Each structure stands twice: as structure tokens, then as C-alpha cells.
Amino acid sequence: QPNSLYLLDEPETPLSPMRQLTLLSMMKEMVAQNCQFIVATHSPILMAFPDAALLSFDYTPAQQVEYETLEHVTVTRSFLNNPEQYLRHL
């Protein structure tokens, strides 16, 4: 529906990484139709949506933050670059 507001709560939960990318594509098409999204997510993939305003609730009040500084992004990137470093401490 054009000109709509969508509220999504952790939409990544049932989605594989490829399906998360599909969701991003769908959202991009809908934004082009003047739709807006408020998304609560832990997914670095969904957080990467171009020009998204990212708010962190780790602060009071919530603050706008940069994608590259988010813990979800830095930890995921670090883990994927060197999983053995993390797994040997289990």
C-alpha cells in the first residue's frame, strides 16, 4: 500500500540471510512508493538498509548511531573473519 507506515518487530527471526536480503529489496521498492518503516532488529543485514536512521536503545534517551559502530555489526564481522578466536573460548 503506497504512503503507508509499517512497524516490524524482529522480522529476521524466521528468515535466512538470503531471505533477509529479499526483504530489504521489498522494503526498497515500498520506500520508492513513499512507505516508511520502523524496524526493531538485531540483524546487521537489515540494519544496512541504505540511508536508514539507526537508533540505539543502549542509551537513555535513545541515540542515532552509525552502522559501523553498532556492536551487532562489529561482533558479527569479527566473528566471521575469525570464528576460531571465539569458538575456542566456549
Protein backbone atom coordinates (compact mmCIF):
# COMPACT_ATOMS: atom_id res chain seq x y z
CA GLN A 1 0.00 0.00 0.00
CA PRO A 2 1.69 3.30 -1.03
CA ASN A 3 2.11 6.06 1.57
CA SER A 4 1.96 3.59 4.47
CA LEU A 5 3.83 3.14 7.73
CA TYR A 6 4.97 -0.38 8.62
CA LEU A 7 6.10 -1.49 12.09
CA LEU A 8 8.24 -4.65 12.04
CA ASP A 9 9.43 -6.42 15.20
CA GLU A 10 12.47 -8.60 14.53
CA PRO A 11 11.35 -9.66 11.04
CA GLU A 12 14.64 -11.53 10.58
CA THR A 13 13.66 -14.22 13.10
CA PRO A 14 12.32 -16.76 10.57
CA LEU A 15 14.46 -15.56 7.66
CA SER A 16 17.72 -16.91 6.29
CA PRO A 17 20.34 -14.33 5.32
CA MET A 18 19.24 -14.58 1.67
CA ARG A 19 15.61 -14.02 2.63
CA GLN A 20 16.67 -11.00 4.70
CA LEU A 21 18.18 -9.57 1.52
CA THR A 22 14.89 -10.29 -0.25
CA LEU A 23 13.09 -8.38 2.50
CA LEU A 24 15.48 -5.44 2.01
CA SER A 25 14.66 -5.46 -1.69
CA MET A 26 10.93 -5.44 -0.96
CA MET A 27 11.36 -2.61 1.52
CA LYS A 28 13.36 -0.60 -1.03
CA GLU A 29 10.55 -0.97 -3.57
CA MET A 30 8.00 0.13 -0.97
CA VAL A 31 10.08 3.14 0.11
CA ALA A 32 10.01 4.22 -3.53
CA GLN A 33 6.21 4.27 -3.12
CA ASN A 34 6.55 6.66 -0.15
CA CYS A 35 6.24 3.96 2.52
CA GLN A 36 8.10 4.24 5.81
CA PHE A 37 9.35 1.52 8.15
CA ILE A 38 10.10 1.33 11.84
CA VAL A 39 12.02 -1.90 12.40
CA ALA A 40 13.21 -3.38 15.68
CA THR A 41 16.04 -5.72 14.69
CA HIS A 42 19.29 -7.35 15.75
CA SER A 43 20.19 -8.17 12.15
CA PRO A 44 23.26 -6.43 10.71
CA ILE A 45 21.82 -7.22 7.28
CA LEU A 46 18.59 -5.32 7.92
CA MET A 47 20.45 -2.53 9.70
CA ALA A 48 22.40 -1.95 6.48
CA PHE A 49 19.34 -0.55 4.67
CA PRO A 50 20.59 2.47 2.70
CA ASP A 51 20.02 5.83 4.40
CA ALA A 52 18.32 4.24 7.42
CA ALA A 53 18.25 6.27 10.62
CA LEU A 54 19.60 3.80 13.18
CA LEU A 55 18.63 4.34 16.80
CA SER A 56 20.33 2.56 19.69
CA PHE A 57 18.35 1.98 22.85
CA ASP A 58 21.57 1.20 24.74
CA TYR A 59 21.42 4.89 25.68
CA THR A 60 18.87 6.96 27.58
CA PRO A 61 17.44 8.66 25.68
CA ALA A 62 17.87 6.59 22.52
CA GLN A 63 20.55 7.98 20.21
CA GLN A 64 21.11 7.89 16.48
CA VAL A 65 24.23 5.84 15.71
CA GLU A 66 26.34 4.93 12.70
CA TYR A 67 26.09 1.44 11.23
CA GLU A 68 29.81 0.71 11.52
CA THR A 69 29.82 1.44 15.27
CA LEU A 70 26.99 -0.93 16.20
CA GLU A 71 28.03 -3.88 18.36
CA HIS A 72 25.93 -6.27 16.26
CA VAL A 73 27.92 -5.23 13.21
CA THR A 74 31.39 -5.21 14.77
CA VAL A 75 30.97 -8.53 16.61
CA THR A 76 29.42 -10.29 13.61
CA ARG A 77 32.17 -9.02 11.31
CA SER A 78 34.87 -10.03 13.78
CA PHE A 79 33.36 -13.49 14.26
CA LEU A 80 33.03 -14.13 10.53
CA ASN A 81 36.63 -13.03 9.96
CA ASN A 82 37.98 -15.35 12.66
CA PRO A 83 35.45 -17.79 14.17
CA GLU A 84 38.16 -19.90 15.81
CA GLN A 85 39.08 -16.95 18.02
CA TYR A 86 35.59 -17.03 19.53
CA LEU A 87 34.89 -20.76 19.48
CA ARG A 88 37.98 -21.79 21.42
CA HIS A 89 36.64 -19.87 24.43
CA LEU A 90 33.38 -21.84 24.64
